[in-house]
Amino acid sequence: MPKHYDLEIRKSPREEYLKVFVADLSQLESLQALLESLASVRRVNITESQSASSPEKNLTVYPSRVYDINEVIDQVRSYLDSFYQSNPTDPIFKAEAISSMSEIAFEQIVTLLQVFGNNLEKRPRTFSKFDHEEEFRDYFLPYLNSMSMNHSATGETFNKHGKTDILIQDSDGNNVFIAEFKIWHGPSELQKAVDQLIDRYVSWRDEHTALIVINKNNAGFTDVVSSAIGALQAHVLFKSLIKQDSESSALFEFHNSEDRKKVINLELILFNYYTTAR
């Protein structure tokens, strides 16, 4: 696998900061905007090397006051690894593929979420300060936005009767994906989350949705996954389990609560951010 970037810690009289060197300099502005969205980052500058033999540009990343440099490195790596793993030089989102929501595009969005969430599982320092669903959502959003020039991912966006955690729209303002983040608090709470998603946020025309479940407090992630899948199968609007497409995700069909002939695809995605280091 080619090496897309390198990181180097530098120190000024006032603070430590991070240098990001990338192989493809045409991506600097996109990566600058992406990294500036991190809570651990105060500012990102595009700077030019002082070396006369190698006057290439790079990124200088300055930490926020409450984060140390190692936390910044973890968060920057999680974004960059996911960015390059999703191959932005050949964008996953293609305008002609999702001018209307297709099954392929739905799978692509789910894959983006899984790539980023799985990378985050490897870096406990990244999420150790996250206590609320909104913090996880806000961490995912800039990454989703970086993957498409023709689609926007927003948080806390009004749709139907409330504000959904993630709403992805095309350039014409059509909804293409709706998702909710929930921290795992047991099967009954997950069923309430399904009610919230379908009753409050999904209109008659919306067909592609996801519940993203974060396990922070429970050992035995296998049991959490099994319990979550069982909770969705027991829901009154459950129609069928289409497939369990990974160890911690499954695709379901649900009835629309206002029109049972209308079917909603619902992807259940679980991430294990439980750690014994408290």
C-alpha atoms as a PDB file:
ATOM      1  CA  MET A   1       0.000   0.000   0.000  1.00  0.00           C
ATOM      2  CA  PRO A   2       1.488   3.402  -0.933  1.00  0.00           C
ATOM      3  CA  LYS A   3       2.313   5.814   1.862  1.00  0.00           C
ATOM      4  CA  HIS A   4       0.021   8.802   1.484  1.00  0.00           C
ATOM      5  CA  TYR A   5       1.209  10.933   4.403  1.00  0.00           C
ATOM      6  CA  ASP A   6       3.741  11.331   7.195  1.00  0.00           C
ATOM      7  CA  LEU A   7       3.535  13.094  10.555  1.00  0.00           C
ATOM      8  CA  GLU A   8       6.244  14.844  12.506  1.00  0.00           C
ATOM      9  CA  ILE A   9       6.086  16.536  15.910  1.00  0.00           C
ATOM     10  CA  ARG A  10       7.732  19.948  16.077  1.00  0.00           C
ATOM     11  CA  LYS A  11       8.255  22.263  19.053  1.00  0.00           C
ATOM     12  CA  SER A  12       8.258  26.032  19.293  1.00  0.00           C
ATOM     13  CA  PRO A  13       9.104  28.058  22.424  1.00  0.00           C
ATOM     14  CA  ARG A  14       5.382  28.183  23.189  1.00  0.00           C
ATOM     15  CA  GLU A  15       4.002  24.731  22.247  1.00  0.00           C
ATOM     16  CA  GLU A  16       4.279  21.456  20.413  1.00  0.00           C
ATOM     17  CA  TYR A  17       2.614  21.220  17.019  1.00  0.00           C
ATOM     18  CA  LEU A  18       2.275  18.737  14.183  1.00  0.00           C
ATOM     19  CA  LYS A  19       3.599  18.732  10.632  1.00  0.00           C
ATOM     20  CA  VAL A  20       1.622  16.756   8.031  1.00  0.00           C
ATOM     21  CA  PHE A  21       3.425  15.879   4.807  1.00  0.00           C
ATOM     22  CA  VAL A  22       1.270  14.445   2.005  1.00  0.00           C
ATOM     23  CA  ALA A  23       2.236  12.780  -1.250  1.00  0.00           C
ATOM     24  CA  ASP A  24      -0.475  14.477  -3.312  1.00  0.00           C
ATOM     25  CA  LEU A  25      -0.161  18.242  -2.800  1.00  0.00           C
ATOM     26  CA  SER A  26      -3.371  18.872  -4.743  1.00  0.00           C
ATOM     27  CA  GLN A  27      -5.270  17.580  -1.683  1.00  0.00           C
ATOM     28  CA  LEU A  28      -3.803  20.088   0.789  1.00  0.00           C
ATOM     29  CA  GLU A  29      -6.794  22.447   0.860  1.00  0.00           C
ATOM     30  CA  SER A  30      -9.273  19.585   1.284  1.00  0.00           C
ATOM     31  CA  LEU A  31      -7.201  18.086   4.108  1.00  0.00           C
ATOM     32  CA  GLN A  32      -6.788  21.505   5.731  1.00  0.00           C
ATOM     33  CA  ALA A  33     -10.576  21.913   5.931  1.00  0.00           C
ATOM     34  CA  LEU A  34     -10.990  18.325   7.125  1.00  0.00           C
ATOM     35  CA  LEU A  35      -8.452  18.569   9.957  1.00  0.00           C
ATOM     36  CA  GLU A  36      -9.645  22.004  11.094  1.00  0.00           C
ATOM     37  CA  SER A  37     -12.983  20.371  11.958  1.00  0.00           C
ATOM     38  CA  LEU A  38     -11.338  18.305  14.715  1.00  0.00           C
ATOM     39  CA  ALA A  39     -12.081  19.319  18.293  1.00  0.00           C
ATOM     40  CA  SER A  40      -8.422  18.762  19.177  1.00  0.00           C
ATOM     41  CA  VAL A  41      -7.196  21.204  16.515  1.00  0.00           C
ATOM     42  CA  ARG A  42      -7.069  24.971  16.959  1.00  0.00           C
ATOM     43  CA  ARG A  43      -5.769  25.899  13.511  1.00  0.00           C
ATOM     44  CA  VAL A  44      -4.284  24.338  10.362  1.00  0.00           C
ATOM     45  CA  ASN A  45      -2.007  26.320   8.065  1.00  0.00           C
ATOM     46  CA  ILE A  46      -0.692  25.441   4.638  1.00  0.00           C
ATOM     47  CA  THR A  47       3.015  26.207   4.890  1.00  0.00           C
ATOM     48  CA  GLU A  48       6.055  25.854   2.677  1.00  0.00           C
ATOM     49  CA  SER A  49       9.167  23.931   3.644  1.00  0.00           C
ATOM     50  CA  GLN A  50      12.142  26.078   4.654  1.00  0.00           C
ATOM     51  CA  SER A  51      14.497  23.654   2.959  1.00  0.00           C
ATOM     52  CA  ALA A  52      15.876  25.085  -0.307  1.00  0.00           C
ATOM     53  CA  SER A  53      16.387  21.563  -1.625  1.00  0.00           C
ATOM     54  CA  SER A  54      12.758  20.597  -0.983  1.00  0.00           C
ATOM     55  CA  PRO A  55      10.459  23.654  -1.112  1.00  0.00           C
ATOM     56  CA  GLU A  56       7.251  21.617  -1.016  1.00  0.00           C
ATOM     57  CA  LYS A  57       4.172  22.669   0.869  1.00  0.00           C
ATOM     58  CA  ASN A  58       2.791  20.880   3.939  1.00  0.00           C
ATOM     59  CA  LEU A  59       0.259  21.337   6.733  1.00  0.00           C
ATOM     60  CA  THR A  60       1.023  22.757  10.158  1.00  0.00           C
ATOM     61  CA  VAL A  61      -1.477  21.619  12.782  1.00  0.00           C
ATOM     62  CA  TYR A  62      -1.789  23.528  16.080  1.00  0.00           C
ATOM     63  CA  PRO A  63      -3.497  21.739  19.022  1.00  0.00           C
ATOM     64  CA  SER A  64      -6.382  23.147  21.011  1.00  0.00           C
ATOM     65  CA  ARG A  65      -5.457  24.096  24.552  1.00  0.00           C
ATOM     66  CA  VAL A  66      -7.116  21.138  26.314  1.00  0.00           C
ATOM     67  CA  TYR A  67      -5.534  18.459  24.081  1.00  0.00           C
ATOM     68  CA  ASP A  68      -1.982  17.178  24.201  1.00  0.00           C
ATOM     69  CA  ILE A  69      -0.012  16.390  21.069  1.00  0.00           C
ATOM     70  CA  ASN A  70      -0.578  12.615  21.323  1.00  0.00           C
ATOM     71  CA  GLU A  71      -4.350  13.089  21.300  1.00  0.00           C
ATOM     72  CA  VAL A  72      -3.991  15.315  18.250  1.00  0.00           C
ATOM     73  CA  ILE A  73      -1.918  12.662  16.478  1.00  0.00           C
ATOM     74  CA  ASP A  74      -4.571   9.998  17.206  1.00  0.00           C
ATOM     75  CA  GLN A  75      -7.365  12.135  15.825  1.00  0.00           C
ATOM     76  CA  VAL A  76      -5.415  13.285  12.778  1.00  0.00           C
ATOM     77  CA  ARG A  77      -4.437   9.686  11.956  1.00  0.00           C
ATOM     78  CA  SER A  78      -8.030   8.487  12.278  1.00  0.00           C
ATOM     79  CA  TYR A  79      -9.170  11.107   9.741  1.00  0.00           C
ATOM     80  CA  LEU A  80      -6.288  10.646   7.317  1.00  0.00           C
ATOM     81  CA  ASP A  81      -6.380   6.835   7.386  1.00  0.00           C
ATOM     82  CA  SER A  82     -10.100   6.836   6.666  1.00  0.00           C
ATOM     83  CA  PHE A  83      -9.750   9.552   4.024  1.00  0.00           C
ATOM     84  CA  TYR A  84      -7.162   7.597   2.057  1.00  0.00           C
ATOM     85  CA  GLN A  85      -8.750   4.201   2.683  1.00  0.00           C
ATOM     86  CA  SER A  86     -11.878   5.514   0.966  1.00  0.00           C
ATOM     87  CA  ASN A  87      -9.777   6.462  -2.087  1.00  0.00           C
ATOM     88  CA  PRO A  88     -10.808  10.103  -2.605  1.00  0.00           C
ATOM     89  CA  THR A  89      -8.776  10.291  -5.826  1.00  0.00           C
ATOM     90  CA  ASP A  90     -11.570   8.193  -7.334  1.00  0.00           C
ATOM     91  CA  PRO A  91     -14.497   9.493  -5.278  1.00  0.00           C
ATOM     92  CA  ILE A  92     -16.873   6.936  -3.868  1.00  0.00           C
ATOM     93  CA  PHE A  93     -19.791   9.243  -4.547  1.00  0.00           C
ATOM     94  CA  LYS A  94     -20.420   9.743  -8.250  1.00  0.00           C
ATOM     95  CA  ALA A  95     -23.115  12.228  -9.224  1.00  0.00           C
ATOM     96  CA  GLU A  96     -24.617   9.953 -11.855  1.00  0.00           C
ATOM     97  CA  ALA A  97     -24.816   7.071  -9.376  1.00  0.00           C
ATOM     98  CA  ILE A  98     -26.930   8.839  -6.799  1.00  0.00           C
ATOM     99  CA  SER A  99     -28.940  11.461  -8.641  1.00  0.00           C
ATOM    100  CA  SER A 100     -31.693   9.375  -7.042  1.00  0.00           C
ATOM    101  CA  MET A 101     -30.933   7.079  -4.147  1.00  0.00           C
ATOM    102  CA  SER A 102     -29.726   3.685  -5.376  1.00  0.00           C
ATOM    103  CA  GLU A 103     -28.882   0.503  -3.532  1.00  0.00           C
ATOM    104  CA  ILE A 104     -25.245   0.924  -4.602  1.00  0.00           C
ATOM    105  CA  ALA A 105     -25.045   4.444  -3.186  1.00  0.00           C
ATOM    106  CA  PHE A 106     -26.650   3.315   0.090  1.00  0.00           C
ATOM    107  CA  GLU A 107     -24.000   0.598   0.434  1.00  0.00           C
ATOM    108  CA  GLN A 108     -21.276   3.145  -0.319  1.00  0.00           C
ATOM    109  CA  ILE A 109     -22.419   5.475   2.458  1.00  0.00           C
ATOM    110  CA  VAL A 110     -22.621   2.570   4.895  1.00  0.00           C
ATOM    111  CA  THR A 111     -19.093   1.544   3.881  1.00  0.00           C
ATOM    112  CA  LEU A 112     -17.823   5.076   4.583  1.00  0.00           C
ATOM    113  CA  LEU A 113     -19.330   4.961   8.063  1.00  0.00           C
ATOM    114  CA  GLN A 114     -17.847   1.530   8.740  1.00  0.00           C
ATOM    115  CA  VAL A 115     -14.373   2.496   7.522  1.00  0.00           C
ATOM    116  CA  PHE A 116     -14.262   5.544   9.760  1.00  0.00           C
ATOM    117  CA  GLY A 117     -15.879   3.914  12.780  1.00  0.00           C
ATOM    118  CA  ASN A 118     -13.617   0.864  12.590  1.00  0.00           C
ATOM    119  CA  ASN A 119     -10.528   3.073  12.405  1.00  0.00           C
ATOM    120  CA  LEU A 120     -11.749   4.939  15.466  1.00  0.00           C
ATOM    121  CA  GLU A 121     -11.981   1.659  17.420  1.00  0.00           C
ATOM    122  CA  LYS A 122      -8.176   1.380  17.143  1.00  0.00           C
ATOM    123  CA  ARG A 123      -7.594   4.713  18.899  1.00  0.00           C
ATOM    124  CA  PRO A 124      -9.155   4.807  22.372  1.00  0.00           C
ATOM    125  CA  ARG A 125      -7.614   8.186  23.182  1.00  0.00           C
ATOM    126  CA  THR A 126      -9.639   9.696  20.346  1.00  0.00           C
ATOM    127  CA  PHE A 127     -13.017   8.957  21.917  1.00  0.00           C
ATOM    128  CA  SER A 128     -12.080   8.738  25.617  1.00  0.00           C
ATOM    129  CA  LYS A 129     -13.461  12.254  26.181  1.00  0.00           C
ATOM    130  CA  PHE A 130     -16.714  11.567  24.310  1.00  0.00           C
ATOM    131  CA  ASP A 131     -19.682  11.106  26.668  1.00  0.00           C
ATOM    132  CA  HIS A 132     -22.606  12.024  24.420  1.00  0.00           C
ATOM    133  CA  GLU A 133     -24.039  10.836  21.106  1.00  0.00           C
ATOM    134  CA  GLU A 134     -23.642  14.313  19.633  1.00  0.00           C
ATOM    135  CA  GLU A 135     -19.868  14.210  20.129  1.00  0.00           C
ATOM    136  CA  PHE A 136     -19.575  11.016  18.084  1.00  0.00           C
ATOM    137  CA  ARG A 137     -21.857  12.427  15.384  1.00  0.00           C
ATOM    138  CA  ASP A 138     -19.856  15.633  15.114  1.00  0.00           C
ATOM    139  CA  TYR A 139     -16.669  13.595  14.748  1.00  0.00           C
ATOM    140  CA  PHE A 140     -18.085  11.607  11.807  1.00  0.00           C
ATOM    141  CA  LEU A 141     -19.643  14.506   9.875  1.00  0.00           C
ATOM    142  CA  PRO A 142     -16.554  16.221   8.397  1.00  0.00           C
ATOM    143  CA  TYR A 143     -15.251  12.886   7.160  1.00  0.00           C
ATOM    144  CA  LEU A 144     -18.544  12.174   5.359  1.00  0.00           C
ATOM    145  CA  ASN A 145     -18.477  15.643   3.802  1.00  0.00           C
ATOM    146  CA  SER A 146     -14.934  15.105   2.517  1.00  0.00           C
ATOM    147  CA  MET A 147     -16.055  12.206   0.325  1.00  0.00           C
ATOM    148  CA  SER A 148     -18.319  14.070  -2.084  1.00  0.00           C
ATOM    149  CA  MET A 149     -18.348  17.322  -4.021  1.00  0.00           C
ATOM    150  CA  ASN A 150     -22.038  16.856  -4.849  1.00  0.00           C
ATOM    151  CA  HIS A 151     -23.495  15.876  -1.495  1.00  0.00           C
ATOM    152  CA  SER A 152     -23.617  17.484   1.938  1.00  0.00           C
ATOM    153  CA  ALA A 153     -23.803  15.783   5.310  1.00  0.00           C
ATOM    154  CA  THR A 154     -25.254  17.885   8.118  1.00  0.00           C
ATOM    155  CA  GLY A 155     -26.067  17.283  11.769  1.00  0.00           C
ATOM    156  CA  GLU A 156     -29.085  18.256  13.821  1.00  0.00           C
ATOM    157  CA  THR A 157     -30.998  18.971  10.619  1.00  0.00           C
ATOM    158  CA  PHE A 158     -34.769  19.339  10.611  1.00  0.00           C
ATOM    159  CA  ASN A 159     -36.642  16.688   8.606  1.00  0.00           C
ATOM    160  CA  LYS A 160     -40.330  15.843   8.942  1.00  0.00           C
ATOM    161  CA  HIS A 161     -41.036  16.358  12.693  1.00  0.00           C
ATOM    162  CA  GLY A 162     -37.590  16.757  14.253  1.00  0.00           C
ATOM    163  CA  LYS A 163     -33.857  17.138  13.933  1.00  0.00           C
ATOM    164  CA  THR A 164     -32.018  14.020  12.816  1.00  0.00           C
ATOM    165  CA  ASP A 165     -28.366  13.364  13.706  1.00  0.00           C
ATOM    166  CA  ILE A 166     -27.121  12.916  10.123  1.00  0.00           C
ATOM    167  CA  LEU A 167     -28.864  13.988   6.945  1.00  0.00           C
ATOM    168  CA  ILE A 168     -27.114  13.542   3.592  1.00  0.00           C
ATOM    169  CA  GLN A 169     -28.617  15.473   0.691  1.00  0.00           C
ATOM    170  CA  ASP A 170     -27.714  15.781  -2.966  1.00  0.00           C
ATOM    171  CA  SER A 171     -26.995  19.101  -4.694  1.00  0.00           C
ATOM    172  CA  ASP A 172     -30.731  19.540  -5.400  1.00  0.00           C
ATOM    173  CA  GLY A 173     -31.616  19.233  -1.720  1.00  0.00           C
ATOM    174  CA  ASN A 174     -33.082  15.736  -1.974  1.00  0.00           C
ATOM    175  CA  ASN A 175     -32.631  13.481   1.038  1.00  0.00           C
ATOM    176  CA  VAL A 176     -30.470  10.471   0.274  1.00  0.00           C
ATOM    177  CA  PHE A 177     -29.633   9.139   3.740  1.00  0.00           C
ATOM    178  CA  ILE A 178     -30.849   9.619   7.328  1.00  0.00           C
ATOM    179  CA  ALA A 179     -29.032   8.292  10.396  1.00  0.00           C
ATOM    180  CA  GLU A 180     -29.227   8.438  14.175  1.00  0.00           C
ATOM    181  CA  PHE A 181     -26.416   7.902  16.694  1.00  0.00           C
ATOM    182  CA  LYS A 182     -27.224   6.103  19.936  1.00  0.00           C
ATOM    183  CA  ILE A 183     -25.090   4.949  22.849  1.00  0.00           C
ATOM    184  CA  TRP A 184     -26.069   1.378  23.768  1.00  0.00           C
ATOM    185  CA  HIS A 185     -28.360   1.273  26.807  1.00  0.00           C
ATOM    186  CA  GLY A 186     -30.099  -2.026  26.123  1.00  0.00           C
ATOM    187  CA  PRO A 187     -32.668  -3.460  23.674  1.00  0.00           C
ATOM    188  CA  SER A 188     -35.693  -1.493  24.881  1.00  0.00           C
ATOM    189  CA  GLU A 189     -33.876   1.813  24.370  1.00  0.00           C
ATOM    190  CA  LEU A 190     -32.813   0.706  20.892  1.00  0.00           C
ATOM    191  CA  GLN A 191     -36.451  -0.017  19.987  1.00  0.00           C
ATOM    192  CA  LYS A 192     -37.302   3.510  21.115  1.00  0.00           C
ATOM    193  CA  ALA A 193     -34.560   4.756  18.798  1.00  0.00           C
ATOM    194  CA  VAL A 194     -36.240   2.945  15.882  1.00  0.00           C
ATOM    195  CA  ASP A 195     -39.526   4.655  16.805  1.00  0.00           C
ATOM    196  CA  GLN A 196     -37.774   8.023  16.910  1.00  0.00           C
ATOM    197  CA  LEU A 197     -36.102   7.490  13.547  1.00  0.00           C
ATOM    198  CA  ILE A 198     -39.131   6.189  11.653  1.00  0.00           C
ATOM    199  CA  ASP A 199     -41.911   8.206  13.289  1.00  0.00           C
ATOM    200  CA  ARG A 200     -40.189  11.585  13.631  1.00  0.00           C
ATOM    201  CA  TYR A 201     -37.584  11.826  10.881  1.00  0.00           C
ATOM    202  CA  VAL A 202     -38.545   9.537   7.980  1.00  0.00           C
ATOM    203  CA  SER A 203     -41.021  10.926   5.475  1.00  0.00           C
ATOM    204  CA  TRP A 204     -42.934   8.862   2.906  1.00  0.00           C
ATOM    205  CA  ARG A 205     -40.199   9.410   0.297  1.00  0.00           C
ATOM    206  CA  ASP A 206     -37.265   8.524   2.581  1.00  0.00           C
ATOM    207  CA  GLU A 207     -36.169   4.916   2.152  1.00  0.00           C
ATOM    208  CA  HIS A 208     -32.547   4.645   3.300  1.00  0.00           C
ATOM    209  CA  THR A 209     -31.663   4.995   6.964  1.00  0.00           C
ATOM    210  CA  ALA A 210     -29.216   3.815   9.613  1.00  0.00           C
ATOM    211  CA  LEU A 211     -28.889   3.441  13.353  1.00  0.00           C
ATOM    212  CA  ILE A 212     -25.290   3.828  14.499  1.00  0.00           C
ATOM    213  CA  VAL A 213     -24.895   2.307  17.952  1.00  0.00           C
ATOM    214  CA  ILE A 214     -21.900   3.055  20.173  1.00  0.00           C
ATOM    215  CA  ASN A 215     -20.948   0.555  22.889  1.00  0.00           C
ATOM    216  CA  LYS A 216     -19.028   2.463  25.563  1.00  0.00           C
ATOM    217  CA  ASN A 217     -20.011   0.781  28.807  1.00  0.00           C
ATOM    218  CA  ASN A 218     -20.341  -2.958  28.251  1.00  0.00           C
ATOM    219  CA  ALA A 219     -17.833  -5.797  28.062  1.00  0.00           C
ATOM    220  CA  GLY A 220     -18.876  -8.673  25.793  1.00  0.00           C
ATOM    221  CA  PHE A 221     -19.477  -6.881  22.506  1.00  0.00           C
ATOM    222  CA  THR A 222     -20.679 -10.101  20.824  1.00  0.00           C
ATOM    223  CA  ASP A 223     -23.653 -10.184  23.202  1.00  0.00           C
ATOM    224  CA  VAL A 224     -24.370  -6.499  22.543  1.00  0.00           C
ATOM    225  CA  VAL A 225     -24.515  -7.134  18.776  1.00  0.00           C
ATOM    226  CA  SER A 226     -26.788 -10.168  19.209  1.00  0.00           C
ATOM    227  CA  SER A 227     -29.100  -8.283  21.567  1.00  0.00           C
ATOM    228  CA  ALA A 228     -29.309  -5.288  19.212  1.00  0.00           C
ATOM    229  CA  ILE A 229     -30.228  -7.443  16.210  1.00  0.00           C
ATOM    230  CA  GLY A 230     -32.848  -9.259  18.302  1.00  0.00           C
ATOM    231  CA  ALA A 231     -34.327  -5.944  19.446  1.00  0.00           C
ATOM    232  CA  LEU A 232     -34.854  -4.786  15.857  1.00  0.00           C
ATOM    233  CA  GLN A 233     -36.386  -8.133  14.852  1.00  0.00           C
ATOM    234  CA  ALA A 234     -38.855  -7.817  17.727  1.00  0.00           C
ATOM    235  CA  HIS A 235     -39.967  -4.314  16.727  1.00  0.00           C
ATOM    236  CA  VAL A 236     -43.593  -3.947  15.625  1.00  0.00           C
ATOM    237  CA  LEU A 237     -42.552  -2.406  12.270  1.00  0.00           C
ATOM    238  CA  PHE A 238     -39.923  -5.084  11.468  1.00  0.00           C
ATOM    239  CA  LYS A 239     -40.415  -6.705   8.046  1.00  0.00           C
ATOM    240  CA  SER A 240     -37.279  -8.780   7.379  1.00  0.00           C
ATOM    241  CA  LEU A 241     -33.578  -9.196   8.055  1.00  0.00           C
ATOM    242  CA  ILE A 242     -31.983  -8.879   4.616  1.00  0.00           C
ATOM    243  CA  LYS A 243     -28.430  -9.778   5.613  1.00  0.00           C
ATOM    244  CA  GLN A 244     -25.867  -9.555   8.374  1.00  0.00           C
ATOM    245  CA  ASP A 245     -23.123  -8.018   6.276  1.00  0.00           C
ATOM    246  CA  SER A 246     -20.392  -7.932   8.924  1.00  0.00           C
ATOM    247  CA  GLU A 247     -19.784  -9.104  12.484  1.00  0.00           C
ATOM    248  CA  SER A 248     -21.299  -5.889  13.803  1.00  0.00           C
ATOM    249  CA  SER A 249     -23.750  -4.674  11.160  1.00  0.00           C
ATOM    250  CA  ALA A 250     -26.964  -5.886   9.587  1.00  0.00           C
ATOM    251  CA  LEU A 251     -29.426  -4.655   6.986  1.00  0.00           C
ATOM    252  CA  PHE A 252     -33.163  -4.732   7.743  1.00  0.00           C
ATOM    253  CA  GLU A 253     -36.425  -3.881   6.033  1.00  0.00           C
ATOM    254  CA  PHE A 254     -38.976  -1.965   8.095  1.00  0.00           C
ATOM    255  CA  HIS A 255     -42.503  -0.796   7.331  1.00  0.00           C
ATOM    256  CA  ASN A 256     -43.170   2.923   7.181  1.00  0.00           C
ATOM    257  CA  SER A 257     -45.309   3.714  10.229  1.00  0.00           C
ATOM    258  CA  GLU A 258     -47.777   5.755   8.130  1.00  0.00           C
ATOM    259  CA  ASP A 259     -47.969   3.400   5.141  1.00  0.00           C
ATOM    260  CA  ARG A 260     -47.128  -0.272   5.726  1.00  0.00           C
ATOM    261  CA  LYS A 261     -46.840  -0.872   1.968  1.00  0.00           C
ATOM    262  CA  LYS A 262     -43.876   1.494   1.940  1.00  0.00           C
ATOM    263  CA  VAL A 263     -40.580  -0.197   2.876  1.00  0.00           C
ATOM    264  CA  ILE A 264     -37.601   1.445   4.606  1.00  0.00           C
ATOM    265  CA  ASN A 265     -34.071   0.043   4.481  1.00  0.00           C
ATOM    266  CA  LEU A 266     -32.427   0.341   7.886  1.00  0.00           C
ATOM    267  CA  GLU A 267     -28.742  -0.470   8.416  1.00  0.00           C
ATOM    268  CA  LEU A 268     -27.776  -1.268  11.999  1.00  0.00           C
ATOM    269  CA  ILE A 269     -24.080  -0.482  12.586  1.00  0.00           C
ATOM    270  CA  LEU A 270     -22.417  -1.098  15.943  1.00  0.00           C
ATOM    271  CA  PHE A 271     -18.994   0.126  17.054  1.00  0.00           C
ATOM    272  CA  ASN A 272     -17.175  -1.105  20.145  1.00  0.00           C
ATOM    273  CA  TYR A 273     -15.569   1.784  22.011  1.00  0.00           C
ATOM    274  CA  TYR A 274     -15.579   0.010  25.370  1.00  0.00           C
ATOM    275  CA  THR A 275     -12.282   0.153  27.193  1.00  0.00           C
ATOM    276  CA  THR A 276     -11.230  -1.023  30.650  1.00  0.00           C
ATOM    277  CA  ALA A 277      -8.956   2.023  30.996  1.00  0.00           C
ATOM    278  CA  ARG A 278     -11.206   4.369  32.939  1.00  0.00           C
END
